[in-house]
Amino acid sequence: MKQEDPRDHTGEADAIADGEIVQHIPVSLASLGLGICGLGVGIMTYVPQLYLVTYVSLPLALLVFLFTAFLSLGAAAEGEKAFLGVLFSLAGVVLCCVQLLLDPSHPWVA
């Protein structure tokens, strides 16, 4: 009888490489996480110490919004729950647009 080494993690690496772990993540939870990331990008544009983020905040927020929207479109049964993440990421895009329009020192305007 062969004993397995508890420190051997090759089975976990194979599961990650095959995508088995990602298949168990609920779409609504993934959409919510991405939506919060998009909202975080929108909020980071208002932090003065992170002024370099304003160079890439709007394209990044738009990419997160599009990815979240496509992800929620693919969620057949969990579409209503996944829509909350789309709203959060849309709020991040709106925050970035407001920063662009109202801040005269925005790098895209100056």
PDB file of N, CA and C in Angstrom:
ATOM      1  N   MET A   1       0.833  -1.166   0.000  1.00  0.00           N
ATOM      2  CA  MET A   1       0.000   0.000   0.000  1.00  0.00           C
ATOM      3  C   MET A   1       0.889   1.245   0.000  1.00  0.00           C
ATOM      4  N   LYS A   2       0.579   2.158  -0.917  1.00  0.00           N
ATOM      5  CA  LYS A   2       1.394   3.348  -1.092  1.00  0.00           C
ATOM      6  C   LYS A   2       0.778   4.520  -0.342  1.00  0.00           C
ATOM      7  N   GLN A   3       1.577   5.166   0.457  1.00  0.00           N
ATOM      8  CA  GLN A   3       1.128   6.323   1.219  1.00  0.00           C
ATOM      9  C   GLN A   3       1.435   7.589   0.412  1.00  0.00           C
ATOM     10  N   GLU A   4       0.479   8.513   0.370  1.00  0.00           N
ATOM     11  CA  GLU A   4       0.699   9.778  -0.323  1.00  0.00           C
ATOM     12  C   GLU A   4       1.339  10.784   0.620  1.00  0.00           C
ATOM     13  N   ASP A   5       2.227  11.551   0.069  1.00  0.00           N
ATOM     14  CA  ASP A   5       2.902  12.592   0.830  1.00  0.00           C
ATOM     15  C   ASP A   5       1.933  13.763   1.011  1.00  0.00           C
ATOM     16  N   PRO A   6       1.661  14.209   2.243  1.00  0.00           N
ATOM     17  CA  PRO A   6       0.729  15.322   2.438  1.00  0.00           C
ATOM     18  C   PRO A   6       1.255  16.639   1.883  1.00  0.00           C
ATOM     19  N   ARG A   7       2.542  16.715   1.619  1.00  0.00           N
ATOM     20  CA  ARG A   7       3.113  17.935   1.055  1.00  0.00           C
ATOM     21  C   ARG A   7       3.047  17.959  -0.468  1.00  0.00           C
ATOM     22  N   ASP A   8       2.561  16.888  -1.084  1.00  0.00           N
ATOM     23  CA  ASP A   8       2.475  16.814  -2.537  1.00  0.00           C
ATOM     24  C   ASP A   8       1.231  17.558  -3.011  1.00  0.00           C
ATOM     25  N   HIS A   9       1.424  18.641  -3.740  1.00  0.00           N
ATOM     26  CA  HIS A   9       0.319  19.480  -4.193  1.00  0.00           C
ATOM     27  C   HIS A   9       0.113  19.387  -5.704  1.00  0.00           C
ATOM     28  N   THR A  10       0.561  18.326  -6.333  1.00  0.00           N
ATOM     29  CA  THR A  10       0.418  18.227  -7.787  1.00  0.00           C
ATOM     30  C   THR A  10      -1.036  18.048  -8.192  1.00  0.00           C
ATOM     31  N   GLY A  11      -1.835  17.419  -7.349  1.00  0.00           N
ATOM     32  CA  GLY A  11      -3.259  17.263  -7.658  1.00  0.00           C
ATOM     33  C   GLY A  11      -3.973  18.605  -7.675  1.00  0.00           C
ATOM     34  N   GLU A  12      -3.617  19.489  -6.750  1.00  0.00           N
ATOM     35  CA  GLU A  12      -4.217  20.821  -6.714  1.00  0.00           C
ATOM     36  C   GLU A  12      -3.783  21.649  -7.923  1.00  0.00           C
ATOM     37  N   ALA A  13      -2.528  21.522  -8.311  1.00  0.00           N
ATOM     38  CA  ALA A  13      -2.046  22.264  -9.478  1.00  0.00           C
ATOM     39  C   ALA A  13      -2.743  21.782 -10.741  1.00  0.00           C
ATOM     40  N   ASP A  14      -2.982  20.469 -10.844  1.00  0.00           N
ATOM     41  CA  ASP A  14      -3.696  19.949 -12.011  1.00  0.00           C
ATOM     42  C   ASP A  14      -5.137  20.436 -12.032  1.00  0.00           C
ATOM     43  N   ALA A  15      -5.768  20.538 -10.868  1.00  0.00           N
ATOM     44  CA  ALA A  15      -7.156  21.013 -10.794  1.00  0.00           C
ATOM     45  C   ALA A  15      -7.244  22.481 -11.198  1.00  0.00           C
ATOM     46  N   ILE A  16      -6.257  23.267 -10.815  1.00  0.00           N
ATOM     47  CA  ILE A  16      -6.246  24.676 -11.198  1.00  0.00           C
ATOM     48  C   ILE A  16      -5.993  24.799 -12.696  1.00  0.00           C
ATOM     49  N   ALA A  17      -5.067  24.017 -13.223  1.00  0.00           N
ATOM     50  CA  ALA A  17      -4.740  24.096 -14.646  1.00  0.00           C
ATOM     51  C   ALA A  17      -5.918  23.630 -15.515  1.00  0.00           C
ATOM     52  N   ASP A  18      -6.674  22.666 -15.041  1.00  0.00           N
ATOM     53  CA  ASP A  18      -7.817  22.165 -15.814  1.00  0.00           C
ATOM     54  C   ASP A  18      -9.044  23.054 -15.674  1.00  0.00           C
ATOM     55  N   GLY A  19      -9.034  23.988 -14.754  1.00  0.00           N
ATOM     56  CA  GLY A  19     -10.161  24.894 -14.571  1.00  0.00           C
ATOM     57  C   GLY A  19     -11.273  24.315 -13.712  1.00  0.00           C
ATOM     58  N   GLU A  20     -11.008  23.231 -12.994  1.00  0.00           N
ATOM     59  CA  GLU A  20     -12.050  22.625 -12.172  1.00  0.00           C
ATOM     60  C   GLU A  20     -12.432  23.507 -10.996  1.00  0.00           C
ATOM     61  N   ILE A  21     -11.490  24.237 -10.442  1.00  0.00           N
ATOM     62  CA  ILE A  21     -11.764  25.080  -9.285  1.00  0.00           C
ATOM     63  C   ILE A  21     -12.600  26.277  -9.703  1.00  0.00           C
ATOM     64  N   VAL A  22     -12.314  26.840 -10.872  1.00  0.00           N
ATOM     65  CA  VAL A  22     -13.031  28.022 -11.338  1.00  0.00           C
ATOM     66  C   VAL A  22     -14.476  27.686 -11.681  1.00  0.00           C
ATOM     67  N   GLN A  23     -14.746  26.467 -12.078  1.00  0.00           N
ATOM     68  CA  GLN A  23     -16.100  26.073 -12.443  1.00  0.00           C
ATOM     69  C   GLN A  23     -17.036  26.061 -11.245  1.00  0.00           C
ATOM     70  N   HIS A  24     -16.503  26.007 -10.057  1.00  0.00           N
ATOM     71  CA  HIS A  24     -17.332  25.946  -8.854  1.00  0.00           C
ATOM     72  C   HIS A  24     -17.628  27.322  -8.269  1.00  0.00           C
ATOM     73  N   ILE A  25     -17.112  28.388  -8.871  1.00  0.00           N
ATOM     74  CA  ILE A  25     -17.389  29.732  -8.391  1.00  0.00           C
ATOM     75  C   ILE A  25     -18.742  30.166  -8.956  1.00  0.00           C
ATOM     76  N   PRO A  26     -19.692  30.558  -8.125  1.00  0.00           N
ATOM     77  CA  PRO A  26     -20.976  31.028  -8.645  1.00  0.00           C
ATOM     78  C   PRO A  26     -20.806  32.299  -9.468  1.00  0.00           C
ATOM     79  N   VAL A  27     -21.561  32.411 -10.541  1.00  0.00           N
ATOM     80  CA  VAL A  27     -21.448  33.557 -11.436  1.00  0.00           C
ATOM     81  C   VAL A  27     -21.844  34.842 -10.710  1.00  0.00           C
ATOM     82  N   SER A  28     -22.830  34.753  -9.841  1.00  0.00           N
ATOM     83  CA  SER A  28     -23.251  35.951  -9.118  1.00  0.00           C
ATOM     84  C   SER A  28     -22.143  36.460  -8.201  1.00  0.00           C
ATOM     85  N   LEU A  29     -21.416  35.570  -7.591  1.00  0.00           N
ATOM     86  CA  LEU A  29     -20.319  35.964  -6.717  1.00  0.00           C
ATOM     87  C   LEU A  29     -19.159  36.551  -7.521  1.00  0.00           C
ATOM     88  N   ALA A  30     -18.857  35.961  -8.665  1.00  0.00           N
ATOM     89  CA  ALA A  30     -17.789  36.494  -9.518  1.00  0.00           C
ATOM     90  C   ALA A  30     -18.172  37.868 -10.060  1.00  0.00           C
ATOM     91  N   SER A  31     -19.426  38.030 -10.439  1.00  0.00           N
ATOM     92  CA  SER A  31     -19.890  39.323 -10.942  1.00  0.00           C
ATOM     93  C   SER A  31     -19.843  40.379  -9.849  1.00  0.00           C
ATOM     94  N   LEU A  32     -20.232  39.998  -8.658  1.00  0.00           N
ATOM     95  CA  LEU A  32     -20.185  40.938  -7.534  1.00  0.00           C
ATOM     96  C   LEU A  32     -18.749  41.343  -7.217  1.00  0.00           C
ATOM     97  N   GLY A  33     -17.842  40.393  -7.237  1.00  0.00           N
ATOM     98  CA  GLY A  33     -16.436  40.709  -6.980  1.00  0.00           C
ATOM     99  C   GLY A  33     -15.851  41.638  -8.027  1.00  0.00           C
ATOM    100  N   LEU A  34     -16.161  41.378  -9.293  1.00  0.00           N
ATOM    101  CA  LEU A  34     -15.679  42.265 -10.352  1.00  0.00           C
ATOM    102  C   LEU A  34     -16.318  43.645 -10.251  1.00  0.00           C
ATOM    103  N   GLY A  35     -17.597  43.685  -9.888  1.00  0.00           N
ATOM    104  CA  GLY A  35     -18.277  44.968  -9.732  1.00  0.00           C
ATOM    105  C   GLY A  35     -17.675  45.804  -8.624  1.00  0.00           C
ATOM    106  N   ILE A  36     -17.313  45.161  -7.541  1.00  0.00           N
ATOM    107  CA  ILE A  36     -16.669  45.880  -6.435  1.00  0.00           C
ATOM    108  C   ILE A  36     -15.284  46.361  -6.862  1.00  0.00           C
ATOM    109  N   CYS A  37     -14.586  45.573  -7.679  1.00  0.00           N
ATOM    110  CA  CYS A  37     -13.284  46.033  -8.197  1.00  0.00           C
ATOM    111  C   CYS A  37     -13.453  47.248  -9.098  1.00  0.00           C
ATOM    112  N   GLY A  38     -14.481  47.236  -9.946  1.00  0.00           N
ATOM    113  CA  GLY A  38     -14.738  48.391 -10.807  1.00  0.00           C
ATOM    114  C   GLY A  38     -15.103  49.625 -10.010  1.00  0.00           C
ATOM    115  N   LEU A  39     -15.897  49.441  -8.967  1.00  0.00           N
ATOM    116  CA  LEU A  39     -16.236  50.555  -8.088  1.00  0.00           C
ATOM    117  C   LEU A  39     -15.001  51.061  -7.350  1.00  0.00           C
ATOM    118  N   GLY A  40     -14.132  50.147  -6.972  1.00  0.00           N
ATOM    119  CA  GLY A  40     -12.881  50.544  -6.314  1.00  0.00           C
ATOM    120  C   GLY A  40     -11.986  51.365  -7.226  1.00  0.00           C
ATOM    121  N   VAL A  41     -11.958  51.019  -8.508  1.00  0.00           N
ATOM    122  CA  VAL A  41     -11.185  51.814  -9.463  1.00  0.00           C
ATOM    123  C   VAL A  41     -11.765  53.218  -9.557  1.00  0.00           C
ATOM    124  N   GLY A  42     -13.089  53.322  -9.578  1.00  0.00           N
ATOM    125  CA  GLY A  42     -13.722  54.638  -9.623  1.00  0.00           C
ATOM    126  C   GLY A  42     -13.460  55.457  -8.378  1.00  0.00           C
ATOM    127  N   ILE A  43     -13.412  54.824  -7.240  1.00  0.00           N
ATOM    128  CA  ILE A  43     -13.153  55.530  -5.988  1.00  0.00           C
ATOM    129  C   ILE A  43     -11.684  55.943  -5.896  1.00  0.00           C
ATOM    130  N   MET A  44     -10.785  55.113  -6.430  1.00  0.00           N
ATOM    131  CA  MET A  44      -9.354  55.435  -6.353  1.00  0.00           C
ATOM    132  C   MET A  44      -8.997  56.682  -7.142  1.00  0.00           C
ATOM    133  N   THR A  45      -9.815  57.075  -8.112  1.00  0.00           N
ATOM    134  CA  THR A  45      -9.494  58.284  -8.878  1.00  0.00           C
ATOM    135  C   THR A  45      -9.642  59.543  -8.030  1.00  0.00           C
ATOM    136  N   TYR A  46     -10.356  59.463  -6.929  1.00  0.00           N
ATOM    137  CA  TYR A  46     -10.568  60.623  -6.069  1.00  0.00           C
ATOM    138  C   TYR A  46      -9.555  60.718  -4.941  1.00  0.00           C
ATOM    139  N   VAL A  47      -8.658  59.762  -4.819  1.00  0.00           N
ATOM    140  CA  VAL A  47      -7.630  59.796  -3.786  1.00  0.00           C
ATOM    141  C   VAL A  47      -6.438  60.582  -4.336  1.00  0.00           C
ATOM    142  N   PRO A  48      -6.091  61.707  -3.718  1.00  0.00           N
ATOM    143  CA  PRO A  48      -5.022  62.562  -4.278  1.00  0.00           C
ATOM    144  C   PRO A  48      -3.659  61.865  -4.360  1.00  0.00           C
ATOM    145  N   GLN A  49      -3.373  60.967  -3.441  1.00  0.00           N
ATOM    146  CA  GLN A  49      -2.083  60.294  -3.446  1.00  0.00           C
ATOM    147  C   GLN A  49      -1.957  59.305  -4.608  1.00  0.00           C
ATOM    148  N   LEU A  50      -3.074  58.903  -5.180  1.00  0.00           N
ATOM    149  CA  LEU A  50      -3.071  57.946  -6.289  1.00  0.00           C
ATOM    150  C   LEU A  50      -3.379  58.643  -7.610  1.00  0.00           C
ATOM    151  N   TYR A  51      -2.778  59.802  -7.820  1.00  0.00           N
ATOM    152  CA  TYR A  51      -3.102  60.589  -9.006  1.00  0.00           C
ATOM    153  C   TYR A  51      -2.703  59.887 -10.296  1.00  0.00           C
ATOM    154  N   LEU A  52      -1.760  58.953 -10.247  1.00  0.00           N
ATOM    155  CA  LEU A  52      -1.359  58.231 -11.455  1.00  0.00           C
ATOM    156  C   LEU A  52      -2.437  57.266 -11.940  1.00  0.00           C
ATOM    157  N   VAL A  53      -3.349  56.899 -11.064  1.00  0.00           N
ATOM    158  CA  VAL A  53      -4.433  55.994 -11.447  1.00  0.00           C
ATOM    159  C   VAL A  53      -5.368  56.669 -12.445  1.00  0.00           C
ATOM    160  N   THR A  54      -5.454  57.986 -12.408  1.00  0.00           N
ATOM    161  CA  THR A  54      -6.381  58.684 -13.301  1.00  0.00           C
ATOM    162  C   THR A  54      -5.999  58.536 -14.770  1.00  0.00           C
ATOM    163  N   TYR A  55      -4.752  58.207 -15.059  1.00  0.00           N
ATOM    164  CA  TYR A  55      -4.349  57.972 -16.441  1.00  0.00           C
ATOM    165  C   TYR A  55      -5.026  56.736 -17.036  1.00  0.00           C
ATOM    166  N   VAL A  56      -5.269  55.731 -16.212  1.00  0.00           N
ATOM    167  CA  VAL A  56      -5.804  54.465 -16.718  1.00  0.00           C
ATOM    168  C   VAL A  56      -7.145  54.097 -16.104  1.00  0.00           C
ATOM    169  N   SER A  57      -7.709  54.949 -15.270  1.00  0.00           N
ATOM    170  CA  SER A  57      -8.901  54.554 -14.523  1.00  0.00           C
ATOM    171  C   SER A  57     -10.120  54.351 -15.414  1.00  0.00           C
ATOM    172  N   LEU A  58     -10.357  55.252 -16.345  1.00  0.00           N
ATOM    173  CA  LEU A  58     -11.553  55.129 -17.185  1.00  0.00           C
ATOM    174  C   LEU A  58     -11.477  53.908 -18.105  1.00  0.00           C
ATOM    175  N   PRO A  59     -10.377  53.667 -18.827  1.00  0.00           N
ATOM    176  CA  PRO A  59     -10.336  52.433 -19.629  1.00  0.00           C
ATOM    177  C   PRO A  59     -10.417  51.167 -18.790  1.00  0.00           C
ATOM    178  N   LEU A  60      -9.784  51.193 -17.614  1.00  0.00           N
ATOM    179  CA  LEU A  60      -9.824  50.020 -16.745  1.00  0.00           C
ATOM    180  C   LEU A  60     -11.238  49.780 -16.221  1.00  0.00           C
ATOM    181  N   ALA A  61     -11.913  50.832 -15.815  1.00  0.00           N
ATOM    182  CA  ALA A  61     -13.283  50.698 -15.326  1.00  0.00           C
ATOM    183  C   ALA A  61     -14.219  50.229 -16.441  1.00  0.00           C
ATOM    184  N   LEU A  62     -13.996  50.712 -17.661  1.00  0.00           N
ATOM    185  CA  LEU A  62     -14.812  50.258 -18.787  1.00  0.00           C
ATOM    186  C   LEU A  62     -14.582  48.786 -19.096  1.00  0.00           C
ATOM    187  N   LEU A  63     -13.334  48.339 -19.023  1.00  0.00           N
ATOM    188  CA  LEU A  63     -13.053  46.919 -19.255  1.00  0.00           C
ATOM    189  C   LEU A  63     -13.698  46.035 -18.191  1.00  0.00           C
ATOM    190  N   VAL A  64     -13.616  46.464 -16.954  1.00  0.00           N
ATOM    191  CA  VAL A  64     -14.249  45.687 -15.883  1.00  0.00           C
ATOM    192  C   VAL A  64     -15.761  45.663 -16.067  1.00  0.00           C
ATOM    193  N   PHE A  65     -16.343  46.796 -16.472  1.00  0.00           N
ATOM    194  CA  PHE A  65     -17.777  46.852 -16.718  1.00  0.00           C
ATOM    195  C   PHE A  65     -18.182  45.909 -17.852  1.00  0.00           C
ATOM    196  N   LEU A  66     -17.446  45.927 -18.947  1.00  0.00           N
ATOM    197  CA  LEU A  66     -17.780  45.048 -20.072  1.00  0.00           C
ATOM    198  C   LEU A  66     -17.629  43.581 -19.708  1.00  0.00           C
ATOM    199  N   PHE A  67     -16.576  43.251 -18.983  1.00  0.00           N
ATOM    200  CA  PHE A  67     -16.382  41.867 -18.573  1.00  0.00           C
ATOM    201  C   PHE A  67     -17.483  41.413 -17.619  1.00  0.00           C
ATOM    202  N   THR A  68     -17.863  42.272 -16.711  1.00  0.00           N
ATOM    203  CA  THR A  68     -18.940  41.934 -15.778  1.00  0.00           C
ATOM    204  C   THR A  68     -20.272  41.792 -16.512  1.00  0.00           C
ATOM    205  N   ALA A  69     -20.515  42.656 -17.494  1.00  0.00           N
ATOM    206  CA  ALA A  69     -21.760  42.570 -18.260  1.00  0.00           C
ATOM    207  C   ALA A  69     -21.817  41.281 -19.065  1.00  0.00           C
ATOM    208  N   PHE A  70     -20.720  40.912 -19.723  1.00  0.00           N
ATOM    209  CA  PHE A  70     -20.708  39.663 -20.482  1.00  0.00           C
ATOM    210  C   PHE A  70     -20.827  38.454 -19.568  1.00  0.00           C
ATOM    211  N   LEU A  71     -20.243  38.551 -18.398  1.00  0.00           N
ATOM    212  CA  LEU A  71     -20.340  37.456 -17.445  1.00  0.00           C
ATOM    213  C   LEU A  71     -21.774  37.279 -16.961  1.00  0.00           C
ATOM    214  N   SER A  72     -22.455  38.383 -16.713  1.00  0.00           N
ATOM    215  CA  SER A  72     -23.826  38.290 -16.223  1.00  0.00           C
ATOM    216  C   SER A  72     -24.787  37.885 -17.341  1.00  0.00           C
ATOM    217  N   LEU A  73     -24.443  38.189 -18.601  1.00  0.00           N
ATOM    218  CA  LEU A  73     -25.285  37.730 -19.710  1.00  0.00           C
ATOM    219  C   LEU A  73     -25.235  36.213 -19.849  1.00  0.00           C
ATOM    220  N   GLY A  74     -24.119  35.623 -19.499  1.00  0.00           N
ATOM    221  CA  GLY A  74     -23.987  34.179 -19.582  1.00  0.00           C
ATOM    222  C   GLY A  74     -24.600  33.434 -18.412  1.00  0.00           C
ATOM    223  N   ALA A  75     -25.030  34.132 -17.402  1.00  0.00           N
ATOM    224  CA  ALA A  75     -25.631  33.497 -16.229  1.00  0.00           C
ATOM    225  C   ALA A  75     -27.127  33.364 -16.453  1.00  0.00           C
ATOM    226  N   ALA A  76     -27.558  32.184 -16.819  1.00  0.00           N
ATOM    227  CA  ALA A  76     -28.971  31.987 -17.138  1.00  0.00           C
ATOM    228  C   ALA A  76     -29.842  32.026 -15.879  1.00  0.00           C
ATOM    229  N   ALA A  77     -29.542  31.190 -14.912  1.00  0.00           N
ATOM    230  CA  ALA A  77     -30.389  31.089 -13.725  1.00  0.00           C
ATOM    231  C   ALA A  77     -30.079  32.166 -12.690  1.00  0.00           C
ATOM    232  N   GLU A  78     -28.849  32.657 -12.675  1.00  0.00           N
ATOM    233  CA  GLU A  78     -28.444  33.619 -11.658  1.00  0.00           C
ATOM    234  C   GLU A  78     -28.330  35.028 -12.229  1.00  0.00           C
ATOM    235  N   GLY A  79     -29.051  35.339 -13.275  1.00  0.00           N
ATOM    236  CA  GLY A  79     -28.929  36.626 -13.937  1.00  0.00           C
ATOM    237  C   GLY A  79     -29.293  37.800 -13.055  1.00  0.00           C
ATOM    238  N   GLU A  80     -30.332  37.642 -12.240  1.00  0.00           N
ATOM    239  CA  GLU A  80     -30.753  38.741 -11.369  1.00  0.00           C
ATOM    240  C   GLU A  80     -29.717  39.020 -10.296  1.00  0.00           C
ATOM    241  N   LYS A  81     -29.113  37.978  -9.768  1.00  0.00           N
ATOM    242  CA  LYS A  81     -28.099  38.164  -8.733  1.00  0.00           C
ATOM    243  C   LYS A  81     -26.817  38.740  -9.326  1.00  0.00           C
ATOM    244  N   ALA A  82     -26.498  38.359 -10.552  1.00  0.00           N
ATOM    245  CA  ALA A  82     -25.274  38.838 -11.189  1.00  0.00           C
ATOM    246  C   ALA A  82     -25.399  40.288 -11.630  1.00  0.00           C
ATOM    247  N   PHE A  83     -26.614  40.796 -11.750  1.00  0.00           N
ATOM    248  CA  PHE A  83     -26.823  42.164 -12.207  1.00  0.00           C
ATOM    249  C   PHE A  83     -26.334  43.185 -11.186  1.00  0.00           C
ATOM    250  N   LEU A  84     -26.265  42.811  -9.931  1.00  0.00           N
ATOM    251  CA  LEU A  84     -25.769  43.723  -8.900  1.00  0.00           C
ATOM    252  C   LEU A  84     -24.302  44.086  -9.157  1.00  0.00           C
ATOM    253  N   GLY A  85     -23.515  43.125  -9.604  1.00  0.00           N
ATOM    254  CA  GLY A  85     -22.128  43.404  -9.950  1.00  0.00           C
ATOM    255  C   GLY A  85     -22.011  44.354 -11.130  1.00  0.00           C
ATOM    256  N   VAL A  86     -22.940  44.237 -12.095  1.00  0.00           N
ATOM    257  CA  VAL A  86     -22.942  45.147 -13.236  1.00  0.00           C
ATOM    258  C   VAL A  86     -23.248  46.569 -12.776  1.00  0.00           C
ATOM    259  N   LEU A  87     -24.161  46.705 -11.852  1.00  0.00           N
ATOM    260  CA  LEU A  87     -24.482  48.036 -11.332  1.00  0.00           C
ATOM    261  C   LEU A  87     -23.301  48.656 -10.584  1.00  0.00           C
ATOM    262  N   PHE A  88     -22.585  47.843  -9.806  1.00  0.00           N
ATOM    263  CA  PHE A  88     -21.417  48.354  -9.091  1.00  0.00           C
ATOM    264  C   PHE A  88     -20.335  48.800 -10.070  1.00  0.00           C
ATOM    265  N   SER A  89     -20.095  48.000 -11.092  1.00  0.00           N
ATOM    266  CA  SER A  89     -19.058  48.383 -12.056  1.00  0.00           C
ATOM    267  C   SER A  89     -19.489  49.586 -12.887  1.00  0.00           C
ATOM    268  N   LEU A  90     -20.783  49.721 -13.163  1.00  0.00           N
ATOM    269  CA  LEU A  90     -21.280  50.907 -13.855  1.00  0.00           C
ATOM    270  C   LEU A  90     -21.085  52.149 -12.985  1.00  0.00           C
ATOM    271  N   ALA A  91     -21.279  52.010 -11.686  1.00  0.00           N
ATOM    272  CA  ALA A  91     -21.032  53.134 -10.773  1.00  0.00           C
ATOM    273  C   ALA A  91     -19.564  53.541 -10.803  1.00  0.00           C
ATOM    274  N   GLY A  92     -18.661  52.579 -10.948  1.00  0.00           N
ATOM    275  CA  GLY A  92     -17.240  52.903 -11.077  1.00  0.00           C
ATOM    276  C   GLY A  92     -16.941  53.679 -12.348  1.00  0.00           C
ATOM    277  N   VAL A  93     -17.597  53.302 -13.453  1.00  0.00           N
ATOM    278  CA  VAL A  93     -17.423  54.026 -14.715  1.00  0.00           C
ATOM    279  C   VAL A  93     -17.962  55.445 -14.588  1.00  0.00           C
ATOM    280  N   VAL A  94     -19.113  55.597 -13.942  1.00  0.00           N
ATOM    281  CA  VAL A  94     -19.700  56.927 -13.760  1.00  0.00           C
ATOM    282  C   VAL A  94     -18.795  57.800 -12.898  1.00  0.00           C
ATOM    283  N   LEU A  95     -18.225  57.243 -11.854  1.00  0.00           N
ATOM    284  CA  LEU A  95     -17.299  58.011 -11.016  1.00  0.00           C
ATOM    285  C   LEU A  95     -16.087  58.473 -11.810  1.00  0.00           C
ATOM    286  N   CYS A  96     -15.567  57.610 -12.672  1.00  0.00           N
ATOM    287  CA  CYS A  96     -14.419  58.004 -13.498  1.00  0.00           C
ATOM    288  C   CYS A  96     -14.800  59.095 -14.490  1.00  0.00           C
ATOM    289  N   CYS A  97     -15.997  59.008 -15.062  1.00  0.00           N
ATOM    290  CA  CYS A  97     -16.450  60.036 -16.007  1.00  0.00           C
ATOM    291  C   CYS A  97     -16.671  61.377 -15.311  1.00  0.00           C
ATOM    292  N   VAL A  98     -17.231  61.347 -14.121  1.00  0.00           N
ATOM    293  CA  VAL A  98     -17.436  62.585 -13.365  1.00  0.00           C
ATOM    294  C   VAL A  98     -16.096  63.213 -13.010  1.00  0.00           C
ATOM    295  N   GLN A  99     -15.130  62.382 -12.651  1.00  0.00           N
ATOM    296  CA  GLN A  99     -13.784  62.901 -12.363  1.00  0.00           C
ATOM    297  C   GLN A  99     -13.198  63.556 -13.607  1.00  0.00           C
ATOM    298  N   LEU A 100     -13.403  62.951 -14.763  1.00  0.00           N
ATOM    299  CA  LEU A 100     -12.873  63.511 -16.003  1.00  0.00           C
ATOM    300  C   LEU A 100     -13.538  64.842 -16.350  1.00  0.00           C
ATOM    301  N   LEU A 101     -14.826  64.934 -16.118  1.00  0.00           N
ATOM    302  CA  LEU A 101     -15.553  66.140 -16.505  1.00  0.00           C
ATOM    303  C   LEU A 101     -15.396  67.302 -15.527  1.00  0.00           C
ATOM    304  N   LEU A 102     -15.253  67.021 -14.251  1.00  0.00           N
ATOM    305  CA  LEU A 102     -15.267  68.079 -13.254  1.00  0.00           C
ATOM    306  C   LEU A 102     -13.887  68.501 -12.735  1.00  0.00           C
ATOM    307  N   ASP A 103     -12.882  67.699 -12.955  1.00  0.00           N
ATOM    308  CA  ASP A 103     -11.555  68.018 -12.417  1.00  0.00           C
ATOM    309  C   ASP A 103     -10.715  68.708 -13.496  1.00  0.00           C
ATOM    310  N   PRO A 104     -10.402  69.988 -13.305  1.00  0.00           N
ATOM    311  CA  PRO A 104      -9.601  70.683 -14.321  1.00  0.00           C
ATOM    312  C   PRO A 104      -8.143  70.216 -14.367  1.00  0.00           C
ATOM    313  N   SER A 105      -7.690  69.530 -13.345  1.00  0.00           N
ATOM    314  CA  SER A 105      -6.309  69.034 -13.337  1.00  0.00           C
ATOM    315  C   SER A 105      -6.212  67.574 -13.776  1.00  0.00           C
ATOM    316  N   HIS A 106      -7.279  67.045 -14.367  1.00  0.00           N
ATOM    317  CA  HIS A 106      -7.252  65.661 -14.858  1.00  0.00           C
ATOM    318  C   HIS A 106      -6.207  65.561 -15.968  1.00  0.00           C
ATOM    319  N   PRO A 107      -5.426  64.491 -15.991  1.00  0.00           N
ATOM    320  CA  PRO A 107      -4.362  64.407 -17.001  1.00  0.00           C
ATOM    321  C   PRO A 107      -4.858  64.349 -18.443  1.00  0.00           C
ATOM    322  N   TRP A 108      -6.064  63.905 -18.676  1.00  0.00           N
ATOM    323  CA  TRP A 108      -6.591  63.856 -20.038  1.00  0.00           C
ATOM    324  C   TRP A 108      -7.039  65.235 -20.517  1.00  0.00           C
ATOM    325  N   VAL A 109      -7.345  66.140 -19.592  1.00  0.00           N
ATOM    326  CA  VAL A 109      -7.821  67.481 -19.944  1.00  0.00           C
ATOM    327  C   VAL A 109      -6.646  68.439 -20.063  1.00  0.00           C
ATOM    328  N   ALA A 110      -5.722  68.338 -19.143  1.00  0.00           N
ATOM    329  CA  ALA A 110      -4.604  69.307 -19.090  1.00  0.00           C
ATOM    330  C   ALA A 110      -3.634  69.157 -20.215  1.00  0.00           C
TER     331      ALA A 110
END
